[in-house]
N, C-alpha and C. Protein backbone atom coordinates (compact mmCIF):
# COMPACT_ATOMS: atom_id res chain seq x y z
N UNK A 1 124.74 100.14 111.95
CA UNK A 1 123.74 99.29 111.34
C UNK A 1 124.22 97.85 111.36
N UNK A 2 123.33 96.97 111.64
CA UNK A 2 123.67 95.55 111.60
C UNK A 2 123.46 95.02 110.19
N UNK A 3 124.00 93.85 109.95
CA UNK A 3 123.84 93.28 108.61
C UNK A 3 122.38 92.96 108.30
N UNK A 4 121.59 92.60 109.32
CA UNK A 4 120.18 92.32 109.07
C UNK A 4 119.44 93.60 108.68
N UNK A 5 119.82 94.74 109.26
CA UNK A 5 119.21 96.00 108.89
C UNK A 5 119.56 96.36 107.46
N UNK A 6 120.81 96.12 107.07
CA UNK A 6 121.21 96.41 105.70
C UNK A 6 120.46 95.51 104.71
N UNK A 7 120.31 94.25 105.04
CA UNK A 7 119.58 93.33 104.17
C UNK A 7 118.12 93.75 104.05
N UNK A 8 117.51 94.10 105.16
CA UNK A 8 116.10 94.51 105.16
C UNK A 8 115.92 95.78 104.33
N UNK A 9 116.86 96.72 104.43
CA UNK A 9 116.75 97.96 103.67
C UNK A 9 116.84 97.69 102.17
N UNK A 10 117.62 96.72 101.76
CA UNK A 10 117.79 96.43 100.34
C UNK A 10 116.65 95.60 99.77
N UNK A 11 116.00 94.79 100.56
CA UNK A 11 114.99 93.87 100.04
C UNK A 11 113.57 94.29 100.36
N UNK A 12 113.36 95.47 100.89
CA UNK A 12 112.03 95.90 101.27
C UNK A 12 111.13 96.06 100.05
N UNK A 13 109.95 95.51 100.12
CA UNK A 13 108.96 95.64 99.06
C UNK A 13 108.38 97.04 99.10
N UNK A 14 108.37 97.76 97.99
CA UNK A 14 107.78 99.10 98.02
C UNK A 14 106.26 99.03 98.15
N UNK A 15 105.74 99.84 99.04
CA UNK A 15 104.29 99.84 99.25
C UNK A 15 103.56 100.36 98.01
N UNK A 16 104.22 101.18 97.20
CA UNK A 16 103.59 101.66 95.97
C UNK A 16 103.24 100.51 95.04
N UNK A 17 104.04 99.45 95.08
CA UNK A 17 103.73 98.27 94.28
C UNK A 17 102.44 97.61 94.75
N UNK A 18 102.27 97.52 96.07
CA UNK A 18 101.03 96.94 96.61
C UNK A 18 99.82 97.81 96.28
N UNK A 19 100.01 99.13 96.30
CA UNK A 19 98.92 100.04 95.93
C UNK A 19 98.53 99.82 94.47
N UNK A 20 99.52 99.75 93.59
CA UNK A 20 99.24 99.55 92.17
C UNK A 20 98.57 98.20 91.92
N UNK A 21 99.07 97.17 92.56
CA UNK A 21 98.49 95.83 92.38
C UNK A 21 97.08 95.79 92.95
N UNK A 22 96.87 96.38 94.12
CA UNK A 22 95.54 96.37 94.73
C UNK A 22 94.50 97.03 93.85
N UNK A 23 94.85 98.19 93.29
CA UNK A 23 93.89 98.90 92.44
C UNK A 23 93.72 98.22 91.09
N UNK A 24 94.82 97.96 90.41
CA UNK A 24 94.73 97.41 89.05
C UNK A 24 94.28 95.96 89.03
N UNK A 25 94.86 95.13 89.88
CA UNK A 25 94.46 93.72 89.90
C UNK A 25 93.05 93.55 90.46
N UNK A 26 92.69 94.38 91.42
CA UNK A 26 91.31 94.33 91.92
C UNK A 26 90.31 94.60 90.81
N UNK A 27 90.61 95.60 90.01
CA UNK A 27 89.76 95.90 88.85
C UNK A 27 89.76 94.74 87.86
N UNK A 28 90.94 94.22 87.56
CA UNK A 28 91.04 93.12 86.60
C UNK A 28 90.30 91.88 87.04
N UNK A 29 90.40 91.55 88.31
CA UNK A 29 89.71 90.37 88.83
C UNK A 29 88.20 90.58 88.78
N UNK A 30 87.74 91.78 89.17
CA UNK A 30 86.31 92.06 89.14
C UNK A 30 85.77 92.00 87.71
N UNK A 31 86.52 92.56 86.76
CA UNK A 31 86.09 92.54 85.36
C UNK A 31 86.17 91.13 84.77
N UNK A 32 87.27 90.44 85.07
CA UNK A 32 87.48 89.12 84.47
C UNK A 32 86.54 88.05 84.97
N UNK A 33 86.23 88.10 86.26
CA UNK A 33 85.37 87.07 86.82
C UNK A 33 83.90 87.47 86.86
N UNK A 34 83.65 88.77 86.79
CA UNK A 34 82.27 89.25 86.94
C UNK A 34 81.81 89.27 88.38
N UNK A 35 82.71 88.97 89.31
CA UNK A 35 82.38 88.95 90.74
C UNK A 35 83.05 90.16 91.38
N UNK A 36 82.27 91.22 91.59
CA UNK A 36 82.82 92.46 92.12
C UNK A 36 83.40 92.27 93.52
N UNK A 37 82.80 91.41 94.31
CA UNK A 37 83.30 91.19 95.67
C UNK A 37 84.69 90.56 95.65
N UNK A 38 84.98 89.74 94.68
CA UNK A 38 86.30 89.14 94.57
C UNK A 38 87.34 90.20 94.22
N UNK A 39 86.98 91.11 93.33
CA UNK A 39 87.86 92.24 93.03
C UNK A 39 88.05 93.12 94.25
N UNK A 40 86.98 93.30 95.02
CA UNK A 40 87.07 94.08 96.26
C UNK A 40 87.98 93.43 97.28
N UNK A 41 87.99 92.10 97.31
CA UNK A 41 88.88 91.40 98.23
C UNK A 41 90.34 91.61 97.84
N UNK A 42 90.63 91.58 96.54
CA UNK A 42 91.99 91.84 96.07
C UNK A 42 92.39 93.28 96.42
N UNK A 43 91.47 94.22 96.20
CA UNK A 43 91.70 95.62 96.55
C UNK A 43 91.99 95.75 98.04
N UNK A 44 91.20 95.10 98.87
CA UNK A 44 91.38 95.18 100.32
C UNK A 44 92.70 94.56 100.76
N UNK A 45 93.07 93.43 100.20
CA UNK A 45 94.34 92.79 100.56
C UNK A 45 95.53 93.65 100.18
N UNK A 46 95.48 94.27 99.00
CA UNK A 46 96.55 95.17 98.60
C UNK A 46 96.66 96.35 99.55
N UNK A 47 95.53 96.91 99.93
CA UNK A 47 95.52 98.04 100.85
C UNK A 47 96.00 97.66 102.24
N UNK A 48 95.60 96.50 102.72
CA UNK A 48 96.05 96.06 104.05
C UNK A 48 97.55 95.79 104.07
N UNK A 49 98.07 95.19 103.02
CA UNK A 49 99.51 94.95 102.94
C UNK A 49 100.29 96.25 102.90
N UNK A 50 99.83 97.20 102.10
CA UNK A 50 100.49 98.50 102.02
C UNK A 50 100.38 99.23 103.36
N UNK A 51 99.22 99.17 104.00
CA UNK A 51 99.04 99.85 105.28
C UNK A 51 99.98 99.29 106.34
N UNK A 52 100.17 97.99 106.33
CA UNK A 52 101.10 97.38 107.29
C UNK A 52 102.50 97.94 107.08
N UNK A 53 102.92 98.06 105.83
CA UNK A 53 104.24 98.64 105.54
C UNK A 53 104.32 100.10 105.95
N UNK A 54 103.25 100.86 105.71
CA UNK A 54 103.25 102.27 106.08
C UNK A 54 103.40 102.45 107.58
N UNK A 55 102.67 101.67 108.33
CA UNK A 55 102.75 101.78 109.80
C UNK A 55 104.16 101.39 110.27
N UNK A 56 104.71 100.33 109.70
CA UNK A 56 106.04 99.86 110.12
C UNK A 56 107.14 100.87 109.81
N UNK A 57 107.06 101.52 108.66
CA UNK A 57 108.18 102.35 108.20
C UNK A 57 107.96 103.85 108.35
N UNK A 58 106.72 104.30 108.39
CA UNK A 58 106.48 105.75 108.44
C UNK A 58 105.54 106.18 109.56
N UNK A 59 104.85 105.26 110.20
CA UNK A 59 104.00 105.62 111.33
C UNK A 59 102.53 105.72 110.95
N UNK A 60 101.72 105.90 112.00
CA UNK A 60 100.27 105.91 111.84
C UNK A 60 99.75 107.10 111.05
N UNK A 61 100.34 108.27 111.24
CA UNK A 61 99.83 109.46 110.54
C UNK A 61 99.96 109.29 109.03
N UNK A 62 101.11 108.83 108.58
CA UNK A 62 101.31 108.60 107.14
C UNK A 62 100.40 107.47 106.67
N UNK A 63 100.27 106.42 107.46
CA UNK A 63 99.42 105.29 107.08
C UNK A 63 97.96 105.72 106.90
N UNK A 64 97.47 106.55 107.80
CA UNK A 64 96.08 107.01 107.69
C UNK A 64 95.90 107.91 106.46
N UNK A 65 96.85 108.78 106.21
CA UNK A 65 96.76 109.66 105.04
C UNK A 65 96.82 108.88 103.74
N UNK A 66 97.76 107.94 103.65
CA UNK A 66 97.87 107.15 102.43
C UNK A 66 96.71 106.17 102.27
N UNK A 67 96.17 105.71 103.38
CA UNK A 67 94.98 104.87 103.31
C UNK A 67 93.79 105.64 102.75
N UNK A 68 93.66 106.90 103.17
CA UNK A 68 92.59 107.75 102.62
C UNK A 68 92.81 107.99 101.13
N UNK A 69 94.07 108.18 100.74
CA UNK A 69 94.39 108.34 99.32
C UNK A 69 94.02 107.09 98.53
N UNK A 70 94.32 105.92 99.08
CA UNK A 70 94.03 104.64 98.41
C UNK A 70 92.53 104.46 98.19
N UNK A 71 91.76 104.68 99.22
CA UNK A 71 90.30 104.56 99.11
C UNK A 71 89.75 105.66 98.20
N UNK A 72 90.32 106.86 98.31
CA UNK A 72 89.90 107.96 97.44
C UNK A 72 90.16 107.66 95.97
N UNK A 73 91.28 107.00 95.67
CA UNK A 73 91.58 106.63 94.29
C UNK A 73 90.55 105.64 93.77
N UNK A 74 90.15 104.70 94.61
CA UNK A 74 89.12 103.72 94.25
C UNK A 74 87.80 104.45 93.91
N UNK A 75 87.42 105.39 94.75
CA UNK A 75 86.18 106.14 94.53
C UNK A 75 86.30 107.00 93.28
N UNK A 76 87.45 107.67 93.12
CA UNK A 76 87.64 108.53 91.96
C UNK A 76 87.59 107.74 90.65
N UNK A 77 88.09 106.52 90.64
CA UNK A 77 88.01 105.69 89.43
C UNK A 77 86.55 105.46 89.05
N UNK A 78 85.72 105.23 90.05
CA UNK A 78 84.30 105.02 89.77
C UNK A 78 83.64 106.31 89.28
N UNK A 79 84.01 107.44 89.87
CA UNK A 79 83.45 108.73 89.45
C UNK A 79 83.86 109.03 88.00
N UNK A 80 85.13 108.80 87.70
CA UNK A 80 85.60 109.06 86.33
C UNK A 80 84.93 108.15 85.31
N UNK A 81 84.73 106.89 85.68
CA UNK A 81 84.13 105.94 84.74
C UNK A 81 82.62 106.12 84.62
N UNK A 82 81.94 106.23 85.75
CA UNK A 82 80.48 106.29 85.72
C UNK A 82 79.95 107.71 85.54
N UNK A 83 80.58 108.66 86.18
CA UNK A 83 80.09 110.04 86.15
C UNK A 83 80.57 110.82 84.95
N UNK A 84 81.85 110.70 84.62
CA UNK A 84 82.43 111.48 83.54
C UNK A 84 82.32 110.75 82.20
N UNK A 85 82.28 109.42 82.25
CA UNK A 85 82.15 108.64 81.03
C UNK A 85 83.47 108.15 80.45
N UNK A 86 84.53 108.26 81.24
CA UNK A 86 85.83 107.75 80.81
C UNK A 86 85.76 106.23 80.75
N UNK A 87 86.52 105.63 79.87
CA UNK A 87 86.58 104.16 79.83
C UNK A 87 87.08 103.68 81.19
N UNK A 88 86.48 102.62 81.68
CA UNK A 88 86.81 102.16 83.04
C UNK A 88 88.28 101.77 83.18
N UNK A 89 88.85 101.14 82.17
CA UNK A 89 90.27 100.76 82.27
C UNK A 89 91.16 101.99 82.29
N UNK A 90 90.80 103.03 81.56
CA UNK A 90 91.58 104.27 81.58
C UNK A 90 91.45 104.98 82.92
N UNK A 91 90.25 105.00 83.48
CA UNK A 91 90.04 105.62 84.80
C UNK A 91 90.87 104.91 85.86
N UNK A 92 90.88 103.59 85.84
CA UNK A 92 91.66 102.83 86.82
C UNK A 92 93.15 103.06 86.60
N UNK A 93 93.59 103.11 85.35
CA UNK A 93 95.00 103.35 85.07
C UNK A 93 95.44 104.72 85.59
N UNK A 94 94.63 105.74 85.37
CA UNK A 94 94.98 107.09 85.83
C UNK A 94 95.09 107.17 87.35
N UNK A 95 94.09 106.66 88.04
CA UNK A 95 94.14 106.76 89.51
C UNK A 95 95.22 105.85 90.08
N UNK A 96 95.50 104.73 89.43
CA UNK A 96 96.55 103.84 89.90
C UNK A 96 97.91 104.52 89.79
N UNK A 97 98.18 105.14 88.66
CA UNK A 97 99.45 105.85 88.49
C UNK A 97 99.59 106.98 89.50
N UNK A 98 98.53 107.74 89.71
CA UNK A 98 98.59 108.85 90.65
C UNK A 98 98.80 108.35 92.08
N UNK A 99 98.02 107.37 92.50
CA UNK A 99 98.11 106.87 93.87
C UNK A 99 99.46 106.20 94.13
N UNK A 100 99.94 105.42 93.18
CA UNK A 100 101.24 104.76 93.36
C UNK A 100 102.37 105.79 93.36
N UNK A 101 102.27 106.81 92.54
CA UNK A 101 103.29 107.85 92.52
C UNK A 101 103.36 108.62 93.81
N UNK A 102 102.22 109.02 94.34
CA UNK A 102 102.20 109.73 95.62
C UNK A 102 102.69 108.82 96.73
N UNK A 103 102.28 107.57 96.71
CA UNK A 103 102.74 106.62 97.73
C UNK A 103 104.25 106.46 97.69
N UNK A 104 104.82 106.36 96.51
CA UNK A 104 106.27 106.24 96.41
C UNK A 104 106.94 107.49 96.99
N UNK A 105 106.44 108.65 96.62
CA UNK A 105 107.06 109.89 97.08
C UNK A 105 106.97 110.05 98.59
N UNK A 106 105.87 109.64 99.17
CA UNK A 106 105.67 109.84 100.61
C UNK A 106 106.27 108.71 101.44
N UNK A 107 106.10 107.47 101.00
CA UNK A 107 106.44 106.35 101.87
C UNK A 107 107.65 105.53 101.43
N UNK A 108 107.93 105.47 100.15
CA UNK A 108 108.95 104.53 99.68
C UNK A 108 110.28 105.18 99.29
N UNK A 109 110.26 106.42 98.91
CA UNK A 109 111.50 107.07 98.50
C UNK A 109 112.44 107.14 99.70
N UNK A 110 113.70 106.78 99.51
CA UNK A 110 114.64 106.82 100.63
C UNK A 110 114.78 108.23 101.19
N UNK A 111 114.74 108.32 102.50
CA UNK A 111 114.96 109.60 103.17
C UNK A 111 116.45 109.90 103.17
N UNK A 112 116.79 111.14 103.34
CA UNK A 112 118.21 111.49 103.39
C UNK A 112 118.86 110.75 104.56
N UNK A 113 120.01 110.17 104.29
CA UNK A 113 120.72 109.42 105.30
C UNK A 113 120.44 107.93 105.27
N UNK A 114 119.42 107.48 104.52
CA UNK A 114 119.14 106.05 104.42
C UNK A 114 120.06 105.42 103.39
N UNK A 115 120.34 104.16 103.60
CA UNK A 115 121.15 103.41 102.66
C UNK A 115 120.34 103.16 101.39
N UNK A 116 120.91 103.50 100.25
CA UNK A 116 120.24 103.23 98.98
C UNK A 116 121.09 102.26 98.17
N UNK A 117 120.41 101.54 97.35
CA UNK A 117 121.12 100.59 96.51
C UNK A 117 120.43 100.46 95.20
């Protein structure tokens, strides 16, 4: 391993963080501003950033699966809030925790043999 590889391994941004920010901040921006499209833009940017990391580190198959999970979490938050009657902030919190947790387990957790710090 070169020193640049070691540095990159230690400073890599976890994609689960981008998933959590995309879902939670997208909701917060939409609620705070009243402009749903602006919240959707935050959601999309978080998803695109995470997808770029997934493709770079785990490949297209993982990126497509986690992308489906990300969009599915967005849809499920709406179903829980509008269909089931859960408070919207609670619905978003639940799906955010679930999506970020699965993302960490699949894409961000160090594989055996990787340098951890």
